[in-house]
Amino acid sequence: MNDILQERAIQVIKPLIPADAEERVGRSFKQWNQVIREHIRNETGLKLAEGDSRYAIPVKVVEGFPLKLAKLIGGRDDPILWRLIVGQPKLGGIVEGLSFLLPHWPAFEKWPALPANAKDCEAALHWTLEVATALQQASLTKQVRDQIIAIDEDILGVYRFTPQASSVELYWMPIAMVAAMLDVRIEDLTLVVLAHELAHGYTHIGRDIDGTKWDFNGFAKSEVGVIEGLAQFYTQVVTQRIAGRTPGAKTAYDQLLTLQSGPYLVHKEWLKDDTRQRGESVRFAMISARNRGAIKYADWVLLLNETNKALKTRSGAAKADDSFLNG
């Protein structure tokens, strides 16, 4: 059954995405893989090496779709519908362009340089605007987009783990499809997915200063808001760090949030009213949470707030000591 769903999804989506999409995803991954890993190591303080031992998180680019997305596409086996969904930004461009032109069209009609085939076409332009607007606002496309948002798992890549090994897969077809939906570059969205899935890996099997990792059952049984929230948080941080070199990755991250919900958005609330030491607080809380094994989301929020308060107290005491010594 899964093979049939995959075949249907591939048949529907593959003609709608660039022919070189797989190559672009692979090239972007290879170019940025080590850079993103380095930033994650720096931000989390976690490493895949301990003494003479090294722990691997291999990454591969794969064809196909995660099951829930494949089911959605297969259940809506309508190439025209998916062409509209993928092409929404292009329809938006038509609407925006015509909305810019039409209020001033009488002046354009008097312009001596107006091309001959553009004369006396105001009615046709209004009609085109109406058609593009209707297609952009089609209720079925909005319904399917909402169904994509409601999927409660990673749909562009996956972090796979067993007690013996961990790995990351990047789904090049969904990446290309969603990049078109969001009007971002395939390369930029690839970086976002890579950072997210590697963040899963590092928060799971990365070793802290004591050589400790998150044990298998603890990671596997922690609530999804904790696991996805941490991955989203560090994806945000990494895309901000590399924005000077490739600003499109941060744009792709921000745009992807519009297609996500639930556990993929919880990190936006973390210490939102006290952001000065947010990164440090999340890191220390994450290390503590890993030592507890499986953790519920409510417990995570409590731990994060307590950690932030403790760090502020420690920082205040350190400043007081420094003031006393230099007073």
C-alpha atoms as a PDB file:
ATOM      1  CA  MET A   1       0.000   0.000   0.000  1.00  0.00           C
ATOM      2  CA  ASN A   2       2.805   2.405   0.890  1.00  0.00           C
ATOM      3  CA  ASP A   3       4.497   1.720  -2.470  1.00  0.00           C
ATOM      4  CA  ILE A   4       1.273   2.566  -4.310  1.00  0.00           C
ATOM      5  CA  LEU A   5       0.901   5.837  -2.359  1.00  0.00           C
ATOM      6  CA  GLN A   6       4.518   6.734  -3.139  1.00  0.00           C
ATOM      7  CA  GLU A   7       4.044   6.055  -6.846  1.00  0.00           C
ATOM      8  CA  ARG A   8       0.912   8.212  -6.979  1.00  0.00           C
ATOM      9  CA  ALA A   9       2.538  11.078  -5.110  1.00  0.00           C
ATOM     10  CA  ILE A  10       5.616  10.977  -7.325  1.00  0.00           C
ATOM     11  CA  GLN A  11       3.512  10.897 -10.502  1.00  0.00           C
ATOM     12  CA  VAL A  12       1.546  13.939  -9.372  1.00  0.00           C
ATOM     13  CA  ILE A  13       4.345  16.130  -7.985  1.00  0.00           C
ATOM     14  CA  LYS A  14       7.427  15.312 -10.071  1.00  0.00           C
ATOM     15  CA  PRO A  15       6.198  17.121 -13.230  1.00  0.00           C
ATOM     16  CA  LEU A  16       5.530  20.256 -11.156  1.00  0.00           C
ATOM     17  CA  ILE A  17       9.029  20.743  -9.740  1.00  0.00           C
ATOM     18  CA  PRO A  18      12.314  21.664 -11.447  1.00  0.00           C
ATOM     19  CA  ALA A  19      14.026  18.823 -13.290  1.00  0.00           C
ATOM     20  CA  ASP A  20      17.271  19.535 -11.429  1.00  0.00           C
ATOM     21  CA  ALA A  21      15.659  19.619  -7.963  1.00  0.00           C
ATOM     22  CA  GLU A  22      17.402  16.488  -6.686  1.00  0.00           C
ATOM     23  CA  GLU A  23      20.783  17.788  -7.822  1.00  0.00           C
ATOM     24  CA  ARG A  24      20.180  21.164  -6.171  1.00  0.00           C
ATOM     25  CA  VAL A  25      19.207  19.596  -2.852  1.00  0.00           C
ATOM     26  CA  GLY A  26      22.270  17.337  -2.932  1.00  0.00           C
ATOM     27  CA  ARG A  27      24.634  20.137  -3.883  1.00  0.00           C
ATOM     28  CA  SER A  28      23.316  22.431  -1.158  1.00  0.00           C
ATOM     29  CA  PHE A  29      23.603  19.698   1.467  1.00  0.00           C
ATOM     30  CA  LYS A  30      27.207  18.917   0.532  1.00  0.00           C
ATOM     31  CA  GLN A  31      28.198  22.575   0.495  1.00  0.00           C
ATOM     32  CA  TRP A  32      26.708  23.446   3.902  1.00  0.00           C
ATOM     33  CA  ASN A  33      26.761  20.175   5.834  1.00  0.00           C
ATOM     34  CA  GLN A  34      29.916  20.840   7.850  1.00  0.00           C
ATOM     35  CA  VAL A  35      29.126  24.528   8.368  1.00  0.00           C
ATOM     36  CA  ILE A  36      25.719  23.750   9.845  1.00  0.00           C
ATOM     37  CA  ARG A  37      27.140  20.990  12.048  1.00  0.00           C
ATOM     38  CA  GLU A  38      29.750  23.374  13.387  1.00  0.00           C
ATOM     39  CA  HIS A  39      27.121  25.958  14.286  1.00  0.00           C
ATOM     40  CA  ILE A  40      24.953  23.353  16.005  1.00  0.00           C
ATOM     41  CA  ARG A  41      27.967  22.139  18.010  1.00  0.00           C
ATOM     42  CA  ASN A  42      28.752  25.704  19.046  1.00  0.00           C
ATOM     43  CA  GLU A  43      25.192  26.540  20.040  1.00  0.00           C
ATOM     44  CA  THR A  44      24.389  23.306  21.885  1.00  0.00           C
ATOM     45  CA  GLY A  45      27.823  22.591  23.343  1.00  0.00           C
ATOM     46  CA  LEU A  46      27.320  18.990  22.187  1.00  0.00           C
ATOM     47  CA  LYS A  47      29.761  16.957  20.114  1.00  0.00           C
ATOM     48  CA  LEU A  48      29.698  13.667  18.235  1.00  0.00           C
ATOM     49  CA  ALA A  49      33.161  12.806  19.509  1.00  0.00           C
ATOM     50  CA  GLU A  50      34.213  11.545  22.914  1.00  0.00           C
ATOM     51  CA  GLY A  51      37.871  10.716  23.430  1.00  0.00           C
ATOM     52  CA  ASP A  52      38.849   8.355  20.639  1.00  0.00           C
ATOM     53  CA  SER A  53      35.207   7.511  19.843  1.00  0.00           C
ATOM     54  CA  ARG A  54      33.152   9.183  17.126  1.00  0.00           C
ATOM     55  CA  TYR A  55      29.417   8.944  16.612  1.00  0.00           C
ATOM     56  CA  ALA A  56      28.029   9.463  13.142  1.00  0.00           C
ATOM     57  CA  ILE A  57      24.866  11.057  11.800  1.00  0.00           C
ATOM     58  CA  PRO A  58      25.103  10.258   8.081  1.00  0.00           C
ATOM     59  CA  VAL A  59      22.838  12.214   5.732  1.00  0.00           C
ATOM     60  CA  LYS A  60      21.403  11.075   2.411  1.00  0.00           C
ATOM     61  CA  VAL A  61      19.080  12.632  -0.140  1.00  0.00           C
ATOM     62  CA  VAL A  62      16.165  10.328  -0.917  1.00  0.00           C
ATOM     63  CA  GLU A  63      13.276  10.152  -3.364  1.00  0.00           C
ATOM     64  CA  GLY A  64       9.682   9.931  -2.264  1.00  0.00           C
ATOM     65  CA  PHE A  65       7.468  11.336   0.467  1.00  0.00           C
ATOM     66  CA  PRO A  66       6.831  10.706   4.166  1.00  0.00           C
ATOM     67  CA  LEU A  67       3.740   8.549   4.594  1.00  0.00           C
ATOM     68  CA  LYS A  68       1.280  11.205   5.795  1.00  0.00           C
ATOM     69  CA  LEU A  69       2.172  13.570   2.961  1.00  0.00           C
ATOM     70  CA  ALA A  70       2.024  10.735   0.433  1.00  0.00           C
ATOM     71  CA  LYS A  71      -1.459   9.849   1.722  1.00  0.00           C
ATOM     72  CA  LEU A  72      -2.581  13.457   1.372  1.00  0.00           C
ATOM     73  CA  ILE A  73      -1.303  13.737  -2.194  1.00  0.00           C
ATOM     74  CA  GLY A  74      -2.638  10.302  -3.128  1.00  0.00           C
ATOM     75  CA  GLY A  75      -6.017  11.131  -1.633  1.00  0.00           C
ATOM     76  CA  ARG A  76      -6.110  14.282  -3.757  1.00  0.00           C
ATOM     77  CA  ASP A  77      -4.894  12.626  -6.938  1.00  0.00           C
ATOM     78  CA  ASP A  78      -5.568  15.718  -9.046  1.00  0.00           C
ATOM     79  CA  PRO A  79      -2.572  17.173 -10.934  1.00  0.00           C
ATOM     80  CA  ILE A  80      -4.428  20.430 -11.684  1.00  0.00           C
ATOM     81  CA  LEU A  81      -5.150  21.009  -7.998  1.00  0.00           C
ATOM     82  CA  TRP A  82      -1.502  20.448  -7.066  1.00  0.00           C
ATOM     83  CA  ARG A  83      -0.362  22.680  -9.925  1.00  0.00           C
ATOM     84  CA  LEU A  84      -2.465  25.449  -8.383  1.00  0.00           C
ATOM     85  CA  ILE A  85      -1.131  24.734  -4.887  1.00  0.00           C
ATOM     86  CA  VAL A  86       2.494  24.756  -6.026  1.00  0.00           C
ATOM     87  CA  GLY A  87       1.896  27.824  -8.213  1.00  0.00           C
ATOM     88  CA  GLN A  88       0.171  30.032  -5.638  1.00  0.00           C
ATOM     89  CA  PRO A  89       3.070  32.521  -5.413  1.00  0.00           C
ATOM     90  CA  LYS A  90       3.041  32.917  -9.216  1.00  0.00           C
ATOM     91  CA  LEU A  91      -0.695  33.582  -9.170  1.00  0.00           C
ATOM     92  CA  GLY A  92      -0.043  36.093  -6.425  1.00  0.00           C
ATOM     93  CA  GLY A  93       2.459  37.817  -8.688  1.00  0.00           C
ATOM     94  CA  ILE A  94      -0.161  38.138 -11.426  1.00  0.00           C
ATOM     95  CA  VAL A  95      -2.684  39.592  -8.998  1.00  0.00           C
ATOM     96  CA  GLU A  96      -0.139  42.013  -7.530  1.00  0.00           C
ATOM     97  CA  GLY A  97       1.105  43.124 -10.942  1.00  0.00           C
ATOM     98  CA  LEU A  98      -2.337  43.722 -12.415  1.00  0.00           C
ATOM     99  CA  SER A  99      -3.509  45.460  -9.239  1.00  0.00           C
ATOM    100  CA  PHE A 100      -0.553  47.806  -9.724  1.00  0.00           C
ATOM    101  CA  LEU A 101      -1.271  48.469 -13.411  1.00  0.00           C
ATOM    102  CA  LEU A 102      -5.040  48.730 -13.666  1.00  0.00           C
ATOM    103  CA  PRO A 103      -5.708  51.816 -11.498  1.00  0.00           C
ATOM    104  CA  HIS A 104      -3.444  53.774 -13.856  1.00  0.00           C
ATOM    105  CA  TRP A 105      -4.361  52.065 -17.121  1.00  0.00           C
ATOM    106  CA  PRO A 106      -5.965  55.167 -18.732  1.00  0.00           C
ATOM    107  CA  ALA A 107      -2.581  56.871 -18.442  1.00  0.00           C
ATOM    108  CA  PHE A 108      -0.851  53.839 -19.961  1.00  0.00           C
ATOM    109  CA  GLU A 109      -3.284  53.979 -22.895  1.00  0.00           C
ATOM    110  CA  LYS A 110      -2.068  57.510 -23.669  1.00  0.00           C
ATOM    111  CA  TRP A 111       1.613  56.560 -23.356  1.00  0.00           C
ATOM    112  CA  PRO A 112       3.274  56.843 -26.791  1.00  0.00           C
ATOM    113  CA  ALA A 113       5.638  53.943 -26.077  1.00  0.00           C
ATOM    114  CA  LEU A 114       2.839  51.491 -25.181  1.00  0.00           C
ATOM    115  CA  PRO A 115       3.251  48.334 -27.319  1.00  0.00           C
ATOM    116  CA  ALA A 116       0.577  48.005 -29.982  1.00  0.00           C
ATOM    117  CA  ASN A 117      -0.699  44.668 -28.663  1.00  0.00           C
ATOM    118  CA  ALA A 118      -1.303  46.258 -25.247  1.00  0.00           C
ATOM    119  CA  LYS A 119      -3.703  48.910 -26.538  1.00  0.00           C
ATOM    120  CA  ASP A 120      -7.445  48.648 -25.843  1.00  0.00           C
ATOM    121  CA  CYS A 121      -6.984  45.671 -23.514  1.00  0.00           C
ATOM    122  CA  GLU A 122      -8.229  47.087 -20.218  1.00  0.00           C
ATOM    123  CA  ALA A 123     -11.245  44.764 -20.184  1.00  0.00           C
ATOM    124  CA  ALA A 124      -9.010  41.753 -20.825  1.00  0.00           C
ATOM    125  CA  LEU A 125      -6.707  42.781 -17.990  1.00  0.00           C
ATOM    126  CA  HIS A 126      -9.629  43.103 -15.570  1.00  0.00           C
ATOM    127  CA  TRP A 127     -10.861  39.674 -16.646  1.00  0.00           C
ATOM    128  CA  THR A 128      -7.370  38.180 -16.154  1.00  0.00           C
ATOM    129  CA  LEU A 129      -7.203  39.712 -12.688  1.00  0.00           C
ATOM    130  CA  GLU A 130     -10.569  38.190 -11.805  1.00  0.00           C
ATOM    131  CA  VAL A 131      -9.486  34.747 -13.030  1.00  0.00           C
ATOM    132  CA  ALA A 132      -6.133  34.857 -11.210  1.00  0.00           C
ATOM    133  CA  THR A 133      -7.823  36.047  -8.018  1.00  0.00           C
ATOM    134  CA  ALA A 134     -10.439  33.309  -8.216  1.00  0.00           C
ATOM    135  CA  LEU A 135      -7.782  30.639  -8.710  1.00  0.00           C
ATOM    136  CA  GLN A 136      -5.702  32.060  -5.883  1.00  0.00           C
ATOM    137  CA  GLN A 137      -8.689  32.020  -3.538  1.00  0.00           C
ATOM    138  CA  ALA A 138     -10.038  28.604  -4.542  1.00  0.00           C
ATOM    139  CA  SER A 139     -11.368  27.020  -1.380  1.00  0.00           C
ATOM    140  CA  LEU A 140      -9.980  23.577  -2.231  1.00  0.00           C
ATOM    141  CA  THR A 141      -6.392  24.838  -2.430  1.00  0.00           C
ATOM    142  CA  LYS A 142      -6.789  26.497   0.989  1.00  0.00           C
ATOM    143  CA  GLN A 143      -8.265  23.293   2.375  1.00  0.00           C
ATOM    144  CA  VAL A 144      -5.299  21.223   1.177  1.00  0.00           C
ATOM    145  CA  ARG A 145      -2.829  23.784   2.497  1.00  0.00           C
ATOM    146  CA  ASP A 146      -4.525  23.573   5.889  1.00  0.00           C
ATOM    147  CA  GLN A 147      -4.227  19.777   5.735  1.00  0.00           C
ATOM    148  CA  ILE A 148      -0.489  20.120   5.087  1.00  0.00           C
ATOM    149  CA  ILE A 149      -0.181  22.472   8.075  1.00  0.00           C
ATOM    150  CA  ALA A 150      -2.020  19.956  10.251  1.00  0.00           C
ATOM    151  CA  ILE A 151       0.473  17.126   9.562  1.00  0.00           C
ATOM    152  CA  ASP A 152       2.171  16.511  12.904  1.00  0.00           C
ATOM    153  CA  GLU A 153       5.502  15.158  11.678  1.00  0.00           C
ATOM    154  CA  ASP A 154       8.509  16.327   9.667  1.00  0.00           C
ATOM    155  CA  ILE A 155       7.485  16.245   5.993  1.00  0.00           C
ATOM    156  CA  LEU A 156      10.688  17.488   4.342  1.00  0.00           C
ATOM    157  CA  GLY A 157      13.197  15.231   6.065  1.00  0.00           C
ATOM    158  CA  VAL A 158      13.472  12.736   8.865  1.00  0.00           C
ATOM    159  CA  TYR A 159      15.807  11.868  11.716  1.00  0.00           C
ATOM    160  CA  ARG A 160      15.902   8.077  12.078  1.00  0.00           C
ATOM    161  CA  PHE A 161      17.313   6.474  15.185  1.00  0.00           C
ATOM    162  CA  THR A 162      17.680   3.109  16.846  1.00  0.00           C
ATOM    163  CA  PRO A 163      19.683   2.151  19.937  1.00  0.00           C
ATOM    164  CA  GLN A 164      22.569   1.326  17.575  1.00  0.00           C
ATOM    165  CA  ALA A 165      22.569   4.081  14.939  1.00  0.00           C
ATOM    166  CA  SER A 166      21.207   7.443  13.816  1.00  0.00           C
ATOM    167  CA  SER A 167      20.825   8.984  10.373  1.00  0.00           C
ATOM    168  CA  VAL A 168      19.112  11.810   8.486  1.00  0.00           C
ATOM    169  CA  GLU A 169      17.178  11.658   5.228  1.00  0.00           C
ATOM    170  CA  LEU A 170      16.299  14.691   3.100  1.00  0.00           C
ATOM    171  CA  TYR A 171      13.221  14.255   0.883  1.00  0.00           C
ATOM    172  CA  TRP A 172      14.145  16.183  -2.243  1.00  0.00           C
ATOM    173  CA  MET A 173      10.680  16.099  -3.847  1.00  0.00           C
ATOM    174  CA  PRO A 174       8.787  17.573  -0.859  1.00  0.00           C
ATOM    175  CA  ILE A 175      11.572  20.137  -0.413  1.00  0.00           C
ATOM    176  CA  ALA A 176      11.181  21.274  -4.032  1.00  0.00           C
ATOM    177  CA  MET A 177       7.379  21.239  -3.786  1.00  0.00           C
ATOM    178  CA  VAL A 178       7.251  23.276  -0.573  1.00  0.00           C
ATOM    179  CA  ALA A 179       9.947  25.676  -1.826  1.00  0.00           C
ATOM    180  CA  ALA A 180       7.632  26.496  -4.752  1.00  0.00           C
ATOM    181  CA  MET A 181       4.651  26.878  -2.419  1.00  0.00           C
ATOM    182  CA  LEU A 182       6.614  29.329  -0.245  1.00  0.00           C
ATOM    183  CA  ASP A 183       8.394  31.085  -3.129  1.00  0.00           C
ATOM    184  CA  VAL A 184      11.861  30.380  -1.709  1.00  0.00           C
ATOM    185  CA  ARG A 185      14.928  28.785  -3.258  1.00  0.00           C
ATOM    186  CA  ILE A 186      15.267  25.006  -3.088  1.00  0.00           C
ATOM    187  CA  GLU A 187      18.822  25.476  -1.814  1.00  0.00           C
ATOM    188  CA  ASP A 188      17.713  27.715   1.057  1.00  0.00           C
ATOM    189  CA  LEU A 189      14.933  25.382   2.183  1.00  0.00           C
ATOM    190  CA  THR A 190      17.381  22.471   2.038  1.00  0.00           C
ATOM    191  CA  LEU A 191      19.563  24.235   4.614  1.00  0.00           C
ATOM    192  CA  VAL A 192      16.580  24.707   6.902  1.00  0.00           C
ATOM    193  CA  VAL A 193      15.635  21.021   6.706  1.00  0.00           C
ATOM    194  CA  LEU A 194      19.239  19.919   7.172  1.00  0.00           C
ATOM    195  CA  ALA A 195      19.658  22.123  10.257  1.00  0.00           C
ATOM    196  CA  HIS A 196      16.393  20.871  11.745  1.00  0.00           C
ATOM    197  CA  GLU A 197      17.163  17.175  11.313  1.00  0.00           C
ATOM    198  CA  LEU A 198      20.780  17.503  12.449  1.00  0.00           C
ATOM    199  CA  ALA A 199      19.551  19.408  15.511  1.00  0.00           C
ATOM    200  CA  HIS A 200      17.475  16.327  16.345  1.00  0.00           C
ATOM    201  CA  GLY A 201      20.600  14.215  16.041  1.00  0.00           C
ATOM    202  CA  TYR A 202      22.862  16.430  18.123  1.00  0.00           C
ATOM    203  CA  THR A 203      20.325  16.966  20.912  1.00  0.00           C
ATOM    204  CA  HIS A 204      19.876  13.177  20.998  1.00  0.00           C
ATOM    205  CA  ILE A 205      23.324  11.581  20.677  1.00  0.00           C
ATOM    206  CA  GLY A 206      25.615  14.585  21.050  1.00  0.00           C
ATOM    207  CA  ARG A 207      27.912  14.257  24.060  1.00  0.00           C
ATOM    208  CA  ASP A 208      28.025  16.991  26.661  1.00  0.00           C
ATOM    209  CA  ILE A 209      31.106  17.941  28.669  1.00  0.00           C
ATOM    210  CA  ASP A 210      30.615  14.836  30.844  1.00  0.00           C
ATOM    211  CA  GLY A 211      30.292  12.533  27.844  1.00  0.00           C
ATOM    212  CA  THR A 212      26.557  12.065  28.436  1.00  0.00           C
ATOM    213  CA  LYS A 213      23.919  11.748  25.695  1.00  0.00           C
ATOM    214  CA  TRP A 214      20.117  11.502  25.786  1.00  0.00           C
ATOM    215  CA  ASP A 215      19.373   7.831  26.303  1.00  0.00           C
ATOM    216  CA  PHE A 216      17.311   6.121  23.618  1.00  0.00           C
ATOM    217  CA  ASN A 217      14.071   5.692  25.578  1.00  0.00           C
ATOM    218  CA  GLY A 218      14.336   9.141  27.111  1.00  0.00           C
ATOM    219  CA  PHE A 219      14.568  10.803  23.706  1.00  0.00           C
ATOM    220  CA  ALA A 220      11.995   8.528  22.066  1.00  0.00           C
ATOM    221  CA  LYS A 221       9.401   8.952  24.822  1.00  0.00           C
ATOM    222  CA  SER A 222       9.767  12.681  25.456  1.00  0.00           C
ATOM    223  CA  GLU A 223       6.799  14.739  24.310  1.00  0.00           C
ATOM    224  CA  VAL A 224       6.942  15.994  20.753  1.00  0.00           C
ATOM    225  CA  GLY A 225       6.810  19.643  21.821  1.00  0.00           C
ATOM    226  CA  VAL A 226      10.180  19.227  23.538  1.00  0.00           C
ATOM    227  CA  ILE A 227      11.827  17.316  20.675  1.00  0.00           C
ATOM    228  CA  GLU A 228      10.492  19.465  17.833  1.00  0.00           C
ATOM    229  CA  GLY A 229      10.740  22.661  19.836  1.00  0.00           C
ATOM    230  CA  LEU A 230      14.474  22.143  20.389  1.00  0.00           C
ATOM    231  CA  ALA A 231      15.047  21.311  16.723  1.00  0.00           C
ATOM    232  CA  GLN A 232      13.110  24.405  15.632  1.00  0.00           C
ATOM    233  CA  PHE A 233      14.908  26.617  18.143  1.00  0.00           C
ATOM    234  CA  TYR A 234      18.353  25.585  16.946  1.00  0.00           C
ATOM    235  CA  THR A 235      17.278  25.807  13.310  1.00  0.00           C
ATOM    236  CA  GLN A 236      16.269  29.395  13.947  1.00  0.00           C
ATOM    237  CA  VAL A 237      19.585  30.154  15.629  1.00  0.00           C
ATOM    238  CA  VAL A 238      21.658  28.513  12.883  1.00  0.00           C
ATOM    239  CA  THR A 239      19.848  30.291  10.046  1.00  0.00           C
ATOM    240  CA  GLN A 240      20.418  33.569  11.877  1.00  0.00           C
ATOM    241  CA  ARG A 241      24.124  32.766  12.283  1.00  0.00           C
ATOM    242  CA  ILE A 242      24.632  32.054   8.572  1.00  0.00           C
ATOM    243  CA  ALA A 243      22.431  34.925   7.365  1.00  0.00           C
ATOM    244  CA  GLY A 244      25.464  37.020   6.495  1.00  0.00           C
ATOM    245  CA  ARG A 245      26.586  34.387   3.995  1.00  0.00           C
ATOM    246  CA  THR A 246      23.211  33.134   2.801  1.00  0.00           C
ATOM    247  CA  PRO A 247      20.275  35.296   3.962  1.00  0.00           C
ATOM    248  CA  GLY A 248      17.775  33.194   2.028  1.00  0.00           C
ATOM    249  CA  ALA A 249      17.975  30.392   4.610  1.00  0.00           C
ATOM    250  CA  LYS A 250      16.511  32.618   7.334  1.00  0.00           C
ATOM    251  CA  THR A 251      13.795  33.740   4.925  1.00  0.00           C
ATOM    252  CA  ALA A 252      13.006  30.109   4.103  1.00  0.00           C
ATOM    253  CA  TYR A 253      12.868  29.271   7.817  1.00  0.00           C
ATOM    254  CA  ASP A 254      10.438  32.126   8.490  1.00  0.00           C
ATOM    255  CA  GLN A 255       8.269  31.202   5.506  1.00  0.00           C
ATOM    256  CA  LEU A 256       8.185  27.530   6.470  1.00  0.00           C
ATOM    257  CA  LEU A 257       6.662  28.480   9.830  1.00  0.00           C
ATOM    258  CA  THR A 258       3.516  29.519   7.900  1.00  0.00           C
ATOM    259  CA  LEU A 259       3.094  25.869   6.870  1.00  0.00           C
ATOM    260  CA  GLN A 260       3.663  24.504  10.364  1.00  0.00           C
ATOM    261  CA  SER A 261       1.625  24.239  13.529  1.00  0.00           C
ATOM    262  CA  GLY A 262       1.542  22.788  17.043  1.00  0.00           C
ATOM    263  CA  PRO A 263       4.914  21.479  18.268  1.00  0.00           C
ATOM    264  CA  TYR A 264       6.748  23.258  15.435  1.00  0.00           C
ATOM    265  CA  LEU A 265       5.752  26.664  16.799  1.00  0.00           C
ATOM    266  CA  VAL A 266       6.084  26.216  20.574  1.00  0.00           C
ATOM    267  CA  HIS A 267       9.673  27.491  20.643  1.00  0.00           C
ATOM    268  CA  LYS A 268       8.417  30.953  19.698  1.00  0.00           C
ATOM    269  CA  GLU A 269       6.962  31.230  23.200  1.00  0.00           C
ATOM    270  CA  TRP A 270      10.113  30.205  25.039  1.00  0.00           C
ATOM    271  CA  LEU A 271      11.266  33.138  27.194  1.00  0.00           C
ATOM    272  CA  LYS A 272       9.751  35.523  24.649  1.00  0.00           C
ATOM    273  CA  ASP A 273       9.562  38.302  27.262  1.00  0.00           C
ATOM    274  CA  ASP A 274      13.121  37.746  28.498  1.00  0.00           C
ATOM    275  CA  THR A 275      15.386  37.027  25.538  1.00  0.00           C
ATOM    276  CA  ARG A 276      18.747  38.393  26.749  1.00  0.00           C
ATOM    277  CA  GLN A 277      20.165  35.006  27.732  1.00  0.00           C
ATOM    278  CA  ARG A 278      17.648  32.855  25.864  1.00  0.00           C
ATOM    279  CA  GLY A 279      20.218  30.748  24.058  1.00  0.00           C
ATOM    280  CA  GLU A 280      22.175  30.008  27.210  1.00  0.00           C
ATOM    281  CA  SER A 281      19.009  29.169  29.152  1.00  0.00           C
ATOM    282  CA  VAL A 282      17.733  26.785  26.478  1.00  0.00           C
ATOM    283  CA  ARG A 283      21.130  25.061  26.300  1.00  0.00           C
ATOM    284  CA  PHE A 284      21.430  24.508  30.059  1.00  0.00           C
ATOM    285  CA  ALA A 285      17.795  23.402  30.312  1.00  0.00           C
ATOM    286  CA  MET A 286      18.283  20.991  27.417  1.00  0.00           C
ATOM    287  CA  ILE A 287      21.330  19.414  29.096  1.00  0.00           C
ATOM    288  CA  SER A 288      19.355  19.018  32.317  1.00  0.00           C
ATOM    289  CA  ALA A 289      16.336  17.579  30.490  1.00  0.00           C
ATOM    290  CA  ARG A 290      18.488  14.960  28.782  1.00  0.00           C
ATOM    291  CA  ASN A 291      19.701  13.749  32.167  1.00  0.00           C
ATOM    292  CA  ARG A 292      16.102  13.235  33.285  1.00  0.00           C
ATOM    293  CA  GLY A 293      15.256  10.826  30.464  1.00  0.00           C
ATOM    294  CA  ALA A 294      11.718  11.181  29.066  1.00  0.00           C
ATOM    295  CA  ILE A 295      10.291  14.647  29.714  1.00  0.00           C
ATOM    296  CA  LYS A 296       6.812  16.078  29.325  1.00  0.00           C
ATOM    297  CA  TYR A 297       6.350  19.459  27.689  1.00  0.00           C
ATOM    298  CA  ALA A 298       4.913  21.103  30.803  1.00  0.00           C
ATOM    299  CA  ASP A 299       7.950  19.936  32.773  1.00  0.00           C
ATOM    300  CA  TRP A 300      10.238  21.295  30.068  1.00  0.00           C
ATOM    301  CA  VAL A 301       8.677  24.765  30.255  1.00  0.00           C
ATOM    302  CA  LEU A 302       9.024  24.754  34.035  1.00  0.00           C
ATOM    303  CA  LEU A 303      12.642  23.615  33.776  1.00  0.00           C
ATOM    304  CA  LEU A 304      13.431  26.284  31.164  1.00  0.00           C
ATOM    305  CA  ASN A 305      11.969  29.075  33.299  1.00  0.00           C
ATOM    306  CA  GLU A 306      13.761  27.845  36.424  1.00  0.00           C
ATOM    307  CA  THR A 307      17.043  27.615  34.517  1.00  0.00           C
ATOM    308  CA  ASN A 308      16.630  31.118  33.157  1.00  0.00           C
ATOM    309  CA  LYS A 309      15.915  32.475  36.636  1.00  0.00           C
ATOM    310  CA  ALA A 310      18.928  30.695  38.111  1.00  0.00           C
ATOM    311  CA  LEU A 311      21.238  32.006  35.394  1.00  0.00           C
ATOM    312  CA  LYS A 312      19.987  35.552  35.934  1.00  0.00           C
ATOM    313  CA  THR A 313      20.604  35.245  39.666  1.00  0.00           C
ATOM    314  CA  ARG A 314      24.104  33.884  39.056  1.00  0.00           C
ATOM    315  CA  SER A 315      24.832  36.641  36.550  1.00  0.00           C
ATOM    316  CA  GLY A 316      23.624  39.292  38.970  1.00  0.00           C
ATOM    317  CA  ALA A 317      25.800  37.893  41.744  1.00  0.00           C
ATOM    318  CA  ALA A 318      28.827  37.822  39.461  1.00  0.00           C
ATOM    319  CA  LYS A 319      28.286  41.471  38.501  1.00  0.00           C
ATOM    320  CA  ALA A 320      27.941  42.421  42.163  1.00  0.00           C
ATOM    321  CA  ASP A 321      31.210  40.656  43.015  1.00  0.00           C
ATOM    322  CA  ASP A 322      32.945  42.363  40.119  1.00  0.00           C
ATOM    323  CA  SER A 323      31.618  45.746  41.223  1.00  0.00           C
ATOM    324  CA  PHE A 324      32.830  45.105  44.776  1.00  0.00           C
ATOM    325  CA  LEU A 325      36.302  44.069  43.622  1.00  0.00           C
ATOM    326  CA  ASN A 326      36.645  47.069  41.361  1.00  0.00           C
ATOM    327  CA  GLY A 327      34.865  49.554  43.624  1.00  0.00           C
END
